[in-house]
C-alpha atoms as a PDB file:
ATOM      1  CA  UNK A   1     147.256 -96.770  41.186  1.00  0.00           C
ATOM      2  CA  UNK A   2     148.962 -99.372  43.366  1.00  0.00           C
ATOM      3  CA  UNK A   3     152.517 -98.653  44.479  1.00  0.00           C
ATOM      4  CA  UNK A   4     154.655 -99.201  41.369  1.00  0.00           C
ATOM      5  CA  UNK A   5     156.453-102.471  40.683  1.00  0.00           C
ATOM      6  CA  UNK A   6     160.133-102.830  39.803  1.00  0.00           C
ATOM      7  CA  UNK A   7     159.733-102.140  36.102  1.00  0.00           C
ATOM      8  CA  UNK A   8     157.428 -99.205  36.770  1.00  0.00           C
ATOM      9  CA  UNK A   9     159.920 -97.700  39.187  1.00  0.00           C
ATOM     10  CA  UNK A  10     162.784 -98.053  36.727  1.00  0.00           C
ATOM     11  CA  UNK A  11     160.664 -96.349  34.085  1.00  0.00           C
ATOM     12  CA  UNK A  12     159.912 -93.483  36.486  1.00  0.00           C
ATOM     13  CA  UNK A  13     163.609 -92.913  37.120  1.00  0.00           C
ATOM     14  CA  UNK A  14     164.580 -93.240  33.467  1.00  0.00           C
ATOM     15  CA  UNK A  15     161.885 -90.793  32.305  1.00  0.00           C
ATOM     16  CA  UNK A  16     162.943 -88.275  34.937  1.00  0.00           C
ATOM     17  CA  UNK A  17     166.563 -88.371  33.816  1.00  0.00           C
ATOM     18  CA  UNK A  18     165.625 -88.101  30.157  1.00  0.00           C
ATOM     19  CA  UNK A  19     163.277 -85.212  30.876  1.00  0.00           C
ATOM     20  CA  UNK A  20     165.659 -83.466  33.304  1.00  0.00           C
ATOM     21  CA  UNK A  21     163.238 -83.438  36.213  1.00  0.00           C
ATOM     22  CA  UNK A  22     163.294 -85.142  39.601  1.00  0.00           C
ATOM     23  CA  UNK A  23     160.884 -86.718  42.052  1.00  0.00           C
ATOM     24  CA  UNK A  24     160.083 -85.272  45.416  1.00  0.00           C
ATOM     25  CA  UNK A  25     161.096 -87.870  48.018  1.00  0.00           C
ATOM     26  CA  UNK A  26     159.357 -87.045  51.297  1.00  0.00           C
ATOM     27  CA  UNK A  27     159.990 -88.569  54.724  1.00  0.00           C
ATOM     28  CA  UNK A  28     156.854 -89.570  56.634  1.00  0.00           C
ATOM     29  CA  UNK A  29     156.314 -90.655  60.235  1.00  0.00           C
ATOM     30  CA  UNK A  30     152.528 -90.938  60.573  1.00  0.00           C
ATOM     31  CA  UNK A  31     149.314 -91.560  58.689  1.00  0.00           C
ATOM     32  CA  UNK A  32     148.751 -87.796  58.439  1.00  0.00           C
ATOM     33  CA  UNK A  33     152.141 -87.079  56.896  1.00  0.00           C
ATOM     34  CA  UNK A  34     151.791 -90.005  54.482  1.00  0.00           C
ATOM     35  CA  UNK A  35     148.364 -88.733  53.441  1.00  0.00           C
ATOM     36  CA  UNK A  36     149.827 -85.254  52.977  1.00  0.00           C
ATOM     37  CA  UNK A  37     152.377 -86.590  50.493  1.00  0.00           C
ATOM     38  CA  UNK A  38     149.709 -88.415  48.492  1.00  0.00           C
ATOM     39  CA  UNK A  39     147.510 -85.309  48.508  1.00  0.00           C
ATOM     40  CA  UNK A  40     150.312 -83.005  47.396  1.00  0.00           C
ATOM     41  CA  UNK A  41     151.482 -85.315  44.608  1.00  0.00           C
ATOM     42  CA  UNK A  42     147.940 -85.943  43.401  1.00  0.00           C
ATOM     43  CA  UNK A  43     147.147 -82.220  43.239  1.00  0.00           C
ATOM     44  CA  UNK A  44     150.409 -81.614  41.371  1.00  0.00           C
ATOM     45  CA  UNK A  45     149.694 -84.557  39.054  1.00  0.00           C
ATOM     46  CA  UNK A  46     153.211 -85.706  39.806  1.00  0.00           C
ATOM     47  CA  UNK A  47     154.630 -89.111  40.628  1.00  0.00           C
ATOM     48  CA  UNK A  48     156.799 -89.265  43.735  1.00  0.00           C
ATOM     49  CA  UNK A  49     158.577 -91.227  46.437  1.00  0.00           C
ATOM     50  CA  UNK A  50     157.424 -91.730  50.012  1.00  0.00           C
ATOM     51  CA  UNK A  51     160.270 -92.379  52.438  1.00  0.00           C
ATOM     52  CA  UNK A  52     160.556 -93.873  55.916  1.00  0.00           C
ATOM     53  CA  UNK A  53     163.612 -93.388  58.119  1.00  0.00           C
ATOM     54  CA  UNK A  54     164.460 -95.455  61.176  1.00  0.00           C
ATOM     55  CA  UNK A  55     163.423 -92.589  63.437  1.00  0.00           C
ATOM     56  CA  UNK A  56     160.186 -91.996  61.574  1.00  0.00           C
ATOM     57  CA  UNK A  57     159.369 -95.704  61.666  1.00  0.00           C
ATOM     58  CA  UNK A  58     160.105 -95.916  65.376  1.00  0.00           C
ATOM     59  CA  UNK A  59     157.762 -92.986  66.004  1.00  0.00           C
ATOM     60  CA  UNK A  60     155.012 -94.626  63.954  1.00  0.00           C
ATOM     61  CA  UNK A  61     155.187 -97.735  66.165  1.00  0.00           C
ATOM     62  CA  UNK A  62     154.114 -95.763  69.249  1.00  0.00           C
ATOM     63  CA  UNK A  63     155.247 -97.029  72.625  1.00  0.00           C
ATOM     64  CA  UNK A  64     156.700-100.147  70.994  1.00  0.00           C
ATOM     65  CA  UNK A  65     159.543 -98.019  69.609  1.00  0.00           C
ATOM     66  CA  UNK A  66     160.060-100.718  66.996  1.00  0.00           C
ATOM     67  CA  UNK A  67     161.346 -99.374  63.685  1.00  0.00           C
ATOM     68  CA  UNK A  68     160.471-102.572  61.780  1.00  0.00           C
ATOM     69  CA  UNK A  69     156.854-102.585  62.967  1.00  0.00           C
ATOM     70  CA  UNK A  70     156.560 -98.878  62.246  1.00  0.00           C
ATOM     71  CA  UNK A  71     158.053 -99.162  58.758  1.00  0.00           C
ATOM     72  CA  UNK A  72     155.734-102.039  57.835  1.00  0.00           C
ATOM     73  CA  UNK A  73     152.745-100.153  59.229  1.00  0.00           C
ATOM     74  CA  UNK A  74     153.467 -97.011  57.217  1.00  0.00           C
ATOM     75  CA  UNK A  75     154.246 -98.977  54.060  1.00  0.00           C
ATOM     76  CA  UNK A  76     151.023-100.977  54.293  1.00  0.00           C
ATOM     77  CA  UNK A  77     149.042 -97.775  54.759  1.00  0.00           C
ATOM     78  CA  UNK A  78     150.589 -96.275  51.619  1.00  0.00           C
ATOM     79  CA  UNK A  79     149.968 -99.471  49.631  1.00  0.00           C
ATOM     80  CA  UNK A  80     146.281 -99.304  50.568  1.00  0.00           C
ATOM     81  CA  UNK A  81     145.801 -95.583  50.002  1.00  0.00           C
ATOM     82  CA  UNK A  82     147.841 -95.307  46.801  1.00  0.00           C
ATOM     83  CA  UNK A  83     145.295 -97.451  44.957  1.00  0.00           C
ATOM     84  CA  UNK A  84     142.839 -94.564  45.218  1.00  0.00           C
ATOM     85  CA  UNK A  85     145.100 -91.980  43.520  1.00  0.00           C
ATOM     86  CA  UNK A  86     145.816 -91.406  39.831  1.00  0.00           C
ATOM     87  CA  UNK A  87     149.574 -91.068  40.243  1.00  0.00           C
ATOM     88  CA  UNK A  88     152.529 -93.433  40.561  1.00  0.00           C
ATOM     89  CA  UNK A  89     154.140 -93.776  43.983  1.00  0.00           C
ATOM     90  CA  UNK A  90     157.254 -95.640  45.126  1.00  0.00           C
ATOM     91  CA  UNK A  91     158.198 -96.553  48.708  1.00  0.00           C
ATOM     92  CA  UNK A  92     161.732 -96.090  50.004  1.00  0.00           C
ATOM     93  CA  UNK A  93     163.654 -96.286  53.288  1.00  0.00           C
ATOM     94  CA  UNK A  94     166.091 -93.491  54.082  1.00  0.00           C
ATOM     95  CA  UNK A  95     169.581 -93.287  55.652  1.00  0.00           C
ATOM     96  CA  UNK A  96     170.303 -96.687  57.147  1.00  0.00           C
ATOM     97  CA  UNK A  97     173.877 -96.655  58.425  1.00  0.00           C
ATOM     98  CA  UNK A  98     176.172 -99.674  58.590  1.00  0.00           C
ATOM     99  CA  UNK A  99     175.473-100.112  62.289  1.00  0.00           C
ATOM    100  CA  UNK A 100     171.769-100.633  61.557  1.00  0.00           C
ATOM    101  CA  UNK A 101     171.871-102.789  58.431  1.00  0.00           C
ATOM    102  CA  UNK A 102     171.245-106.045  60.301  1.00  0.00           C
ATOM    103  CA  UNK A 103     168.460-104.659  62.490  1.00  0.00           C
ATOM    104  CA  UNK A 104     166.600-102.443  59.996  1.00  0.00           C
ATOM    105  CA  UNK A 105     167.468-102.862  56.355  1.00  0.00           C
ATOM    106  CA  UNK A 106     167.937-106.613  56.082  1.00  0.00           C
ATOM    107  CA  UNK A 107     164.744-107.456  58.034  1.00  0.00           C
ATOM    108  CA  UNK A 108     162.740-105.234  55.664  1.00  0.00           C
ATOM    109  CA  UNK A 109     164.286-106.913  52.631  1.00  0.00           C
ATOM    110  CA  UNK A 110     163.382-110.253  54.203  1.00  0.00           C
ATOM    111  CA  UNK A 111     159.817-109.018  54.688  1.00  0.00           C
ATOM    112  CA  UNK A 112     159.634-108.288  50.973  1.00  0.00           C
ATOM    113  CA  UNK A 113     161.045-111.735  50.169  1.00  0.00           C
ATOM    114  CA  UNK A 114     158.276-113.344  52.224  1.00  0.00           C
ATOM    115  CA  UNK A 115     155.619-111.230  50.530  1.00  0.00           C
ATOM    116  CA  UNK A 116     156.897-112.131  47.075  1.00  0.00           C
ATOM    117  CA  UNK A 117     156.807-115.824  47.979  1.00  0.00           C
ATOM    118  CA  UNK A 118     153.064-115.404  48.543  1.00  0.00           C
ATOM    119  CA  UNK A 119     152.517-113.481  45.320  1.00  0.00           C
ATOM    120  CA  UNK A 120     152.305-110.084  47.037  1.00  0.00           C
ATOM    121  CA  UNK A 121     154.041-106.904  45.832  1.00  0.00           C
ATOM    122  CA  UNK A 122     157.255-105.661  47.377  1.00  0.00           C
ATOM    123  CA  UNK A 123     156.861-103.887  50.703  1.00  0.00           C
ATOM    124  CA  UNK A 124     159.413-101.227  49.680  1.00  0.00           C
ATOM    125  CA  UNK A 125     160.645-100.459  46.171  1.00  0.00           C
ATOM    126  CA  UNK A 126     164.048 -99.211  47.266  1.00  0.00           C
ATOM    127  CA  UNK A 127     166.283 -98.911  50.298  1.00  0.00           C
ATOM    128  CA  UNK A 128     169.121 -96.550  51.122  1.00  0.00           C
ATOM    129  CA  UNK A 129     172.348 -97.787  52.623  1.00  0.00           C
ATOM    130  CA  UNK A 130     174.267 -94.834  54.020  1.00  0.00           C
ATOM    131  CA  UNK A 131     177.887 -95.884  54.430  1.00  0.00           C
ATOM    132  CA  UNK A 132     179.180 -92.326  54.609  1.00  0.00           C
ATOM    133  CA  UNK A 133     180.389 -92.805  58.201  1.00  0.00           C
ATOM    134  CA  UNK A 134     182.779 -95.665  57.349  1.00  0.00           C
ATOM    135  CA  UNK A 135     185.803 -95.960  55.006  1.00  0.00           C
ATOM    136  CA  UNK A 136     184.933 -96.085  51.309  1.00  0.00           C
ATOM    137  CA  UNK A 137     186.238 -99.611  50.837  1.00  0.00           C
ATOM    138  CA  UNK A 138     183.967-100.905  53.601  1.00  0.00           C
ATOM    139  CA  UNK A 139     181.100 -98.782  52.319  1.00  0.00           C
ATOM    140  CA  UNK A 140     181.351-100.378  48.867  1.00  0.00           C
ATOM    141  CA  UNK A 141     181.808-103.888  50.295  1.00  0.00           C
ATOM    142  CA  UNK A 142     178.585-103.688  52.330  1.00  0.00           C
ATOM    143  CA  UNK A 143     176.773-102.042  49.430  1.00  0.00           C
ATOM    144  CA  UNK A 144     177.731-104.933  47.150  1.00  0.00           C
ATOM    145  CA  UNK A 145     176.385-107.460  49.647  1.00  0.00           C
ATOM    146  CA  UNK A 146     173.115-105.534  49.958  1.00  0.00           C
ATOM    147  CA  UNK A 147     172.891-105.103  46.204  1.00  0.00           C
ATOM    148  CA  UNK A 148     172.837-108.869  45.789  1.00  0.00           C
ATOM    149  CA  UNK A 149     169.924-109.160  48.238  1.00  0.00           C
ATOM    150  CA  UNK A 150     168.073-106.307  46.561  1.00  0.00           C
ATOM    151  CA  UNK A 151     168.574-107.665  43.056  1.00  0.00           C
ATOM    152  CA  UNK A 152     167.124-111.028  44.104  1.00  0.00           C
ATOM    153  CA  UNK A 153     163.943-109.245  45.168  1.00  0.00           C
ATOM    154  CA  UNK A 154     163.694-106.570  42.452  1.00  0.00           C
ATOM    155  CA  UNK A 155     164.561-103.758  44.856  1.00  0.00           C
ATOM    156  CA  UNK A 156     166.584-100.699  43.864  1.00  0.00           C
ATOM    157  CA  UNK A 157     169.454 -99.838  46.217  1.00  0.00           C
ATOM    158  CA  UNK A 158     170.507 -96.277  46.988  1.00  0.00           C
ATOM    159  CA  UNK A 159     174.074 -95.729  48.179  1.00  0.00           C
ATOM    160  CA  UNK A 160     175.979 -92.655  49.327  1.00  0.00           C
ATOM    161  CA  UNK A 161     179.468 -91.538  48.349  1.00  0.00           C
ATOM    162  CA  UNK A 162     180.614 -88.599  50.448  1.00  0.00           C
ATOM    163  CA  UNK A 163     178.975 -87.028  53.475  1.00  0.00           C
ATOM    164  CA  UNK A 164     175.912 -84.800  53.773  1.00  0.00           C
ATOM    165  CA  UNK A 165     176.649 -82.192  56.422  1.00  0.00           C
ATOM    166  CA  UNK A 166     174.357 -80.997  59.214  1.00  0.00           C
ATOM    167  CA  UNK A 167     172.089 -83.193  61.333  1.00  0.00           C
ATOM    168  CA  UNK A 168     169.051 -85.319  60.538  1.00  0.00           C
ATOM    169  CA  UNK A 169     167.225 -88.137  62.297  1.00  0.00           C
ATOM    170  CA  UNK A 170     169.896 -88.461  64.978  1.00  0.00           C
ATOM    171  CA  UNK A 171     172.867 -88.561  62.573  1.00  0.00           C
ATOM    172  CA  UNK A 172     175.124 -85.560  63.211  1.00  0.00           C
ATOM    173  CA  UNK A 173     177.683 -84.531  60.573  1.00  0.00           C
ATOM    174  CA  UNK A 174     177.939 -80.883  61.592  1.00  0.00           C
ATOM    175  CA  UNK A 175     181.690 -81.080  62.231  1.00  0.00           C
ATOM    176  CA  UNK A 176     182.722 -83.286  59.312  1.00  0.00           C
ATOM    177  CA  UNK A 177     185.739 -82.240  57.242  1.00  0.00           C
ATOM    178  CA  UNK A 178     184.639 -79.992  54.354  1.00  0.00           C
ATOM    179  CA  UNK A 179     186.483 -82.020  51.735  1.00  0.00           C
ATOM    180  CA  UNK A 180     184.201 -84.990  52.498  1.00  0.00           C
ATOM    181  CA  UNK A 181     181.182 -82.875  51.479  1.00  0.00           C
ATOM    182  CA  UNK A 182     182.245 -83.171  47.825  1.00  0.00           C
ATOM    183  CA  UNK A 183     182.253 -86.610  46.174  1.00  0.00           C
ATOM    184  CA  UNK A 184     185.089 -87.383  43.770  1.00  0.00           C
ATOM    185  CA  UNK A 185     184.662 -89.149  40.404  1.00  0.00           C
ATOM    186  CA  UNK A 186     186.865 -91.926  41.769  1.00  0.00           C
ATOM    187  CA  UNK A 187     184.481 -92.502  44.684  1.00  0.00           C
ATOM    188  CA  UNK A 188     181.519 -92.625  42.323  1.00  0.00           C
ATOM    189  CA  UNK A 189     183.247 -95.101  40.014  1.00  0.00           C
ATOM    190  CA  UNK A 190     183.918 -97.469  42.912  1.00  0.00           C
ATOM    191  CA  UNK A 191     180.166 -98.011  43.186  1.00  0.00           C
ATOM    192  CA  UNK A 192     179.770 -98.332  39.423  1.00  0.00           C
ATOM    193  CA  UNK A 193     182.383-101.083  39.292  1.00  0.00           C
ATOM    194  CA  UNK A 194     180.938-102.935  42.278  1.00  0.00           C
ATOM    195  CA  UNK A 195     177.200-102.654  41.614  1.00  0.00           C
ATOM    196  CA  UNK A 196     176.361-101.969  37.985  1.00  0.00           C
ATOM    197  CA  UNK A 197     176.446-105.586  36.828  1.00  0.00           C
ATOM    198  CA  UNK A 198     173.982-106.678  39.532  1.00  0.00           C
ATOM    199  CA  UNK A 199     171.050-104.354  38.981  1.00  0.00           C
ATOM    200  CA  UNK A 200     169.719-100.814  39.230  1.00  0.00           C
ATOM    201  CA  UNK A 201     171.106 -98.467  41.867  1.00  0.00           C
ATOM    202  CA  UNK A 202     170.839 -94.800  42.789  1.00  0.00           C
ATOM    203  CA  UNK A 203     173.797 -92.760  43.961  1.00  0.00           C
ATOM    204  CA  UNK A 204     173.665 -89.971  46.515  1.00  0.00           C
ATOM    205  CA  UNK A 205     176.776 -88.053  45.494  1.00  0.00           C
ATOM    206  CA  UNK A 206     177.487 -85.055  47.693  1.00  0.00           C
ATOM    207  CA  UNK A 207     178.331 -81.611  46.397  1.00  0.00           C
ATOM    208  CA  UNK A 208     178.223 -79.516  49.566  1.00  0.00           C
ATOM    209  CA  UNK A 209     174.774 -80.693  50.688  1.00  0.00           C
ATOM    210  CA  UNK A 210     173.733 -80.035  54.285  1.00  0.00           C
ATOM    211  CA  UNK A 211     170.780 -81.406  56.260  1.00  0.00           C
ATOM    212  CA  UNK A 212     168.830 -78.960  58.373  1.00  0.00           C
ATOM    213  CA  UNK A 213     167.554 -75.398  58.230  1.00  0.00           C
ATOM    214  CA  UNK A 214     169.542 -72.796  56.333  1.00  0.00           C
ATOM    215  CA  UNK A 215     168.570 -69.643  54.475  1.00  0.00           C
ATOM    216  CA  UNK A 216     169.053 -69.723  50.688  1.00  0.00           C
ATOM    217  CA  UNK A 217     172.649 -68.874  49.836  1.00  0.00           C
ATOM    218  CA  UNK A 218     174.112 -70.066  53.135  1.00  0.00           C
ATOM    219  CA  UNK A 219     174.871 -73.546  51.825  1.00  0.00           C
ATOM    220  CA  UNK A 220     177.818 -73.615  49.395  1.00  0.00           C
ATOM    221  CA  UNK A 221     176.743 -76.101  46.769  1.00  0.00           C
ATOM    222  CA  UNK A 222     178.888 -77.050  43.790  1.00  0.00           C
ATOM    223  CA  UNK A 223     176.546 -78.918  41.403  1.00  0.00           C
ATOM    224  CA  UNK A 224     179.358 -79.068  38.845  1.00  0.00           C
ATOM    225  CA  UNK A 225     180.776 -81.914  40.971  1.00  0.00           C
ATOM    226  CA  UNK A 226     177.935 -84.032  39.583  1.00  0.00           C
ATOM    227  CA  UNK A 227     178.763 -83.131  35.986  1.00  0.00           C
ATOM    228  CA  UNK A 228     182.409 -84.047  36.495  1.00  0.00           C
ATOM    229  CA  UNK A 229     181.333 -87.417  37.860  1.00  0.00           C
ATOM    230  CA  UNK A 230     178.931 -88.087  34.985  1.00  0.00           C
ATOM    231  CA  UNK A 231     181.531 -87.041  32.400  1.00  0.00           C
ATOM    232  CA  UNK A 232     184.117 -89.334  33.985  1.00  0.00           C
ATOM    233  CA  UNK A 233     181.674 -92.248  33.853  1.00  0.00           C
ATOM    234  CA  UNK A 234     180.892 -91.665  30.180  1.00  0.00           C
ATOM    235  CA  UNK A 235     184.560 -91.343  29.278  1.00  0.00           C
ATOM    236  CA  UNK A 236     185.356 -94.684  30.903  1.00  0.00           C
ATOM    237  CA  UNK A 237     182.228 -96.744  30.184  1.00  0.00           C
ATOM    238  CA  UNK A 238     180.553 -95.131  27.172  1.00  0.00           C
ATOM    239  CA  UNK A 239     178.210 -92.259  26.329  1.00  0.00           C
ATOM    240  CA  UNK A 240     175.132 -94.335  27.151  1.00  0.00           C
ATOM    241  CA  UNK A 241     176.129 -94.616  30.822  1.00  0.00           C
ATOM    242  CA  UNK A 242     174.921 -92.265  33.539  1.00  0.00           C
ATOM    243  CA  UNK A 243     174.335 -92.290  37.272  1.00  0.00           C
ATOM    244  CA  UNK A 244     170.850 -91.998  38.742  1.00  0.00           C
ATOM    245  CA  UNK A 245     171.771 -89.233  41.162  1.00  0.00           C
ATOM    246  CA  UNK A 246     170.043 -88.303  44.419  1.00  0.00           C
ATOM    247  CA  UNK A 247     170.060 -84.835  46.010  1.00  0.00           C
ATOM    248  CA  UNK A 248     170.158 -84.951  49.823  1.00  0.00           C
ATOM    249  CA  UNK A 249     170.103 -81.924  52.108  1.00  0.00           C
ATOM    250  CA  UNK A 250     168.197 -79.586  49.808  1.00  0.00           C
ATOM    251  CA  UNK A 251     167.149 -77.065  52.457  1.00  0.00           C
ATOM    252  CA  UNK A 252     168.731 -73.685  51.766  1.00  0.00           C
ATOM    253  CA  UNK A 253     169.413 -74.460  48.101  1.00  0.00           C
ATOM    254  CA  UNK A 254     168.595 -71.843  45.509  1.00  0.00           C
ATOM    255  CA  UNK A 255     166.282 -72.626  42.601  1.00  0.00           C
ATOM    256  CA  UNK A 256     169.198 -72.121  40.228  1.00  0.00           C
ATOM    257  CA  UNK A 257     171.293 -74.707  42.081  1.00  0.00           C
ATOM    258  CA  UNK A 258     168.435 -77.193  42.074  1.00  0.00           C
ATOM    259  CA  UNK A 259     167.832 -76.764  38.349  1.00  0.00           C
ATOM    260  CA  UNK A 260     171.536 -77.075  37.592  1.00  0.00           C
ATOM    261  CA  UNK A 261     171.631 -80.388  39.460  1.00  0.00           C
ATOM    262  CA  UNK A 262     168.729 -81.654  37.335  1.00  0.00           C
ATOM    263  CA  UNK A 263     170.762 -80.961  34.214  1.00  0.00           C
ATOM    264  CA  UNK A 264     173.457 -83.278  35.562  1.00  0.00           C
ATOM    265  CA  UNK A 265     171.229 -86.283  36.234  1.00  0.00           C
ATOM    266  CA  UNK A 266     169.531 -85.798  39.622  1.00  0.00           C
ATOM    267  CA  UNK A 267     166.292 -87.793  39.557  1.00  0.00           C
ATOM    268  CA  UNK A 268     165.337 -87.729  43.249  1.00  0.00           C
ATOM    269  CA  UNK A 269     165.501 -84.953  45.813  1.00  0.00           C
ATOM    270  CA  UNK A 270     164.888 -85.633  49.486  1.00  0.00           C
ATOM    271  CA  UNK A 271     162.735 -83.191  51.406  1.00  0.00           C
ATOM    272  CA  UNK A 272     162.132 -83.446  55.146  1.00  0.00           C
ATOM    273  CA  UNK A 273     163.005 -80.277  57.072  1.00  0.00           C
ATOM    274  CA  UNK A 274     160.764 -78.040  54.977  1.00  0.00           C
ATOM    275  CA  UNK A 275     157.812 -80.416  55.054  1.00  0.00           C
ATOM    276  CA  UNK A 276     158.119 -80.816  58.814  1.00  0.00           C
ATOM    277  CA  UNK A 277     157.767 -77.057  59.191  1.00  0.00           C
ATOM    278  CA  UNK A 278     154.920 -76.926  56.664  1.00  0.00           C
ATOM    279  CA  UNK A 279     153.064 -79.531  58.736  1.00  0.00           C
ATOM    280  CA  UNK A 280     153.662 -77.863  62.099  1.00  0.00           C
ATOM    281  CA  UNK A 281     153.103 -74.206  61.144  1.00  0.00           C
ATOM    282  CA  UNK A 282     149.293 -74.512  60.664  1.00  0.00           C
ATOM    283  CA  UNK A 283     149.026 -76.343  64.003  1.00  0.00           C
ATOM    284  CA  UNK A 284     150.725 -73.446  65.791  1.00  0.00           C
ATOM    285  CA  UNK A 285     148.459 -70.986  64.011  1.00  0.00           C
ATOM    286  CA  UNK A 286     145.389 -72.992  65.048  1.00  0.00           C
ATOM    287  CA  UNK A 287     146.478 -73.158  68.695  1.00  0.00           C
ATOM    288  CA  UNK A 288     147.348 -69.466  68.890  1.00  0.00           C
ATOM    289  CA  UNK A 289     144.070 -68.369  67.348  1.00  0.00           C
ATOM    290  CA  UNK A 290     141.999 -70.748  69.461  1.00  0.00           C
ATOM    291  CA  UNK A 291     143.865 -70.564  72.756  1.00  0.00           C
ATOM    292  CA  UNK A 292     140.718 -70.291  74.887  1.00  0.00           C
ATOM    293  CA  UNK A 293     139.108 -73.151  73.002  1.00  0.00           C
ATOM    294  CA  UNK A 294     141.885 -75.720  73.080  1.00  0.00           C
ATOM    295  CA  UNK A 295     142.517 -75.237  76.832  1.00  0.00           C
ATOM    296  CA  UNK A 296     140.113 -75.564  79.727  1.00  0.00           C
ATOM    297  CA  UNK A 297     140.929 -72.250  81.402  1.00  0.00           C
ATOM    298  CA  UNK A 298     139.536 -71.082  84.756  1.00  0.00           C
ATOM    299  CA  UNK A 299     136.961 -73.825  85.030  1.00  0.00           C
ATOM    300  CA  UNK A 300     135.643 -73.492  81.476  1.00  0.00           C
ATOM    301  CA  UNK A 301     135.179 -76.551  79.263  1.00  0.00           C
ATOM    302  CA  UNK A 302     136.951 -75.334  76.146  1.00  0.00           C
ATOM    303  CA  UNK A 303     135.649 -75.881  72.627  1.00  0.00           C
ATOM    304  CA  UNK A 304     135.616 -79.473  71.431  1.00  0.00           C
ATOM    305  CA  UNK A 305     135.488 -78.346  67.799  1.00  0.00           C
ATOM    306  CA  UNK A 306     138.918 -76.758  68.100  1.00  0.00           C
ATOM    307  CA  UNK A 307     140.691 -79.173  70.438  1.00  0.00           C
ATOM    308  CA  UNK A 308     139.569 -82.227  68.474  1.00  0.00           C
ATOM    309  CA  UNK A 309     142.905 -83.351  66.904  1.00  0.00           C
ATOM    310  CA  UNK A 310     141.185 -83.668  63.539  1.00  0.00           C
ATOM    311  CA  UNK A 311     140.637 -79.903  63.481  1.00  0.00           C
ATOM    312  CA  UNK A 312     144.326 -79.036  63.412  1.00  0.00           C
ATOM    313  CA  UNK A 313     145.709 -82.182  61.803  1.00  0.00           C
ATOM    314  CA  UNK A 314     143.558 -81.501  58.749  1.00  0.00           C
ATOM    315  CA  UNK A 315     145.207 -78.081  58.478  1.00  0.00           C
ATOM    316  CA  UNK A 316     148.641 -79.600  59.049  1.00  0.00           C
ATOM    317  CA  UNK A 317     148.094 -82.092  56.252  1.00  0.00           C
ATOM    318  CA  UNK A 318     146.959 -79.333  53.898  1.00  0.00           C
ATOM    319  CA  UNK A 319     149.996 -77.227  54.761  1.00  0.00           C
ATOM    320  CA  UNK A 320     152.402 -80.065  54.071  1.00  0.00           C
ATOM    321  CA  UNK A 321     150.607 -80.976  50.844  1.00  0.00           C
ATOM    322  CA  UNK A 322     150.963 -77.391  49.617  1.00  0.00           C
ATOM    323  CA  UNK A 323     154.714 -77.472  50.288  1.00  0.00           C
ATOM    324  CA  UNK A 324     155.002 -80.724  48.343  1.00  0.00           C
ATOM    325  CA  UNK A 325     153.210 -79.142  45.398  1.00  0.00           C
ATOM    326  CA  UNK A 326     155.753 -76.329  45.526  1.00  0.00           C
ATOM    327  CA  UNK A 327     158.578 -78.892  45.532  1.00  0.00           C
ATOM    328  CA  UNK A 328     157.097 -80.597  42.464  1.00  0.00           C
ATOM    329  CA  UNK A 329     157.110 -77.245  40.667  1.00  0.00           C
ATOM    330  CA  UNK A 330     160.728 -76.641  41.647  1.00  0.00           C
ATOM    331  CA  UNK A 331     161.773 -80.104  40.481  1.00  0.00           C
ATOM    332  CA  UNK A 332     159.784 -79.793  37.229  1.00  0.00           C
ATOM    333  CA  UNK A 333     157.729 -82.932  37.876  1.00  0.00           C
ATOM    334  CA  UNK A 334     154.340 -81.199  38.020  1.00  0.00           C
ATOM    335  CA  UNK A 335     151.931 -82.635  35.447  1.00  0.00           C
ATOM    336  CA  UNK A 336     154.348 -85.393  34.421  1.00  0.00           C
ATOM    337  CA  UNK A 337     152.751 -88.422  36.068  1.00  0.00           C
ATOM    338  CA  UNK A 338     153.196 -91.653  34.133  1.00  0.00           C
ATOM    339  CA  UNK A 339     149.871 -92.956  35.431  1.00  0.00           C
ATOM    340  CA  UNK A 340     148.027 -94.757  32.614  1.00  0.00           C
ATOM    341  CA  UNK A 341     150.676 -93.761  30.074  1.00  0.00           C
END
C-alpha cells in the first residue's frame, strides 16, 4: 500500500487509541534500516511509522552531510517500497529543536507543499517539533506557527511538553532537572488551547522517560502522569476529548509500564536504541565467526562471500526486523493492520 494519506493517518491514530494499542515508530538512517522496518511490520501484520531524525538524514546523504537531501532520499525510498507491502505506513521526522526549525523542518514542509501543487502525495505525514529546550511559552508560540503550516498541507504536528532525559542524536539531557521529566496537566493544556482548533496534533508528554540504554527497572516511569493529564482535559473540554500521546525514551521500560501507558492514550512509541543494537549485533557475530574470511591476513585473499557487505547487511536487516516484530507484540499492534479494511 502507498504511504497513507492524511485521512488514513488520522484513522490509524484514532483506531489505536480506541483499541488501546500503539504503533512502533522506528528511526532509520539507511536503505537497509528502512527495509528492516518494512519487513518487521509486514511480518507482524502491523501498521507503523518510519521516522527520520536530522542526524539520520545527514548520514543518509553521505559526504554531502545534508539533512534535507538525506530526509528526502529516505522518504522517497519508503514511498516506493511501501507500495509492495500489505500494511499501512506513515512517514515522520523526529526531534527537530527550535534552533533547527528554519533549516530542517520548514524546508521539508515546503517540499511537501511543492509536491501537493503537482498532485503528488505528501513527502512526510507528520513532523515533530521538540521545544523542550526552550521556555514553555516560546515552545507553544513556535508550535502554533508550525501548526498553521502543517494544517495547510494536511500534515500532523507532534509537539513535546516536558523533557526526555538521557542523550539521543546529539541532544543531551542527562543533567536536566528531574521535575522537568514529568509533564504537568497545565503544560499539556497550553498546547490544547493553542493547537486544537487548527488541526490534528500528537503530544509527547513526559513521565520520566529517558533516551539511551538502561536495564528494565532502572528508569523511574510514572505513567499515571498521562492519566492525570487526560482526566484534566476531559474535565475542562468534555469527555469526548483526549490527547494523542507519544511515548519517547522507551528503552529500559517494563512491559507493565508500557501497557499502562497504552491504557492512558499512548498511540505511538519511539524505538531507536534497541533497533540500533538489533541491527549491529548480527554484524558483529558475522565478523567474529568469519574473521579469516573478512580480512586479508598474511597474504591471503579472504573470502568474498563473507566480506561482501550484502552478506552481513542481510543479517543485520533480519535482526532489526525481528526486534520490530517484538515491539509490535509489546505494543499490541500485531495483526491489527488497517490495510484493505
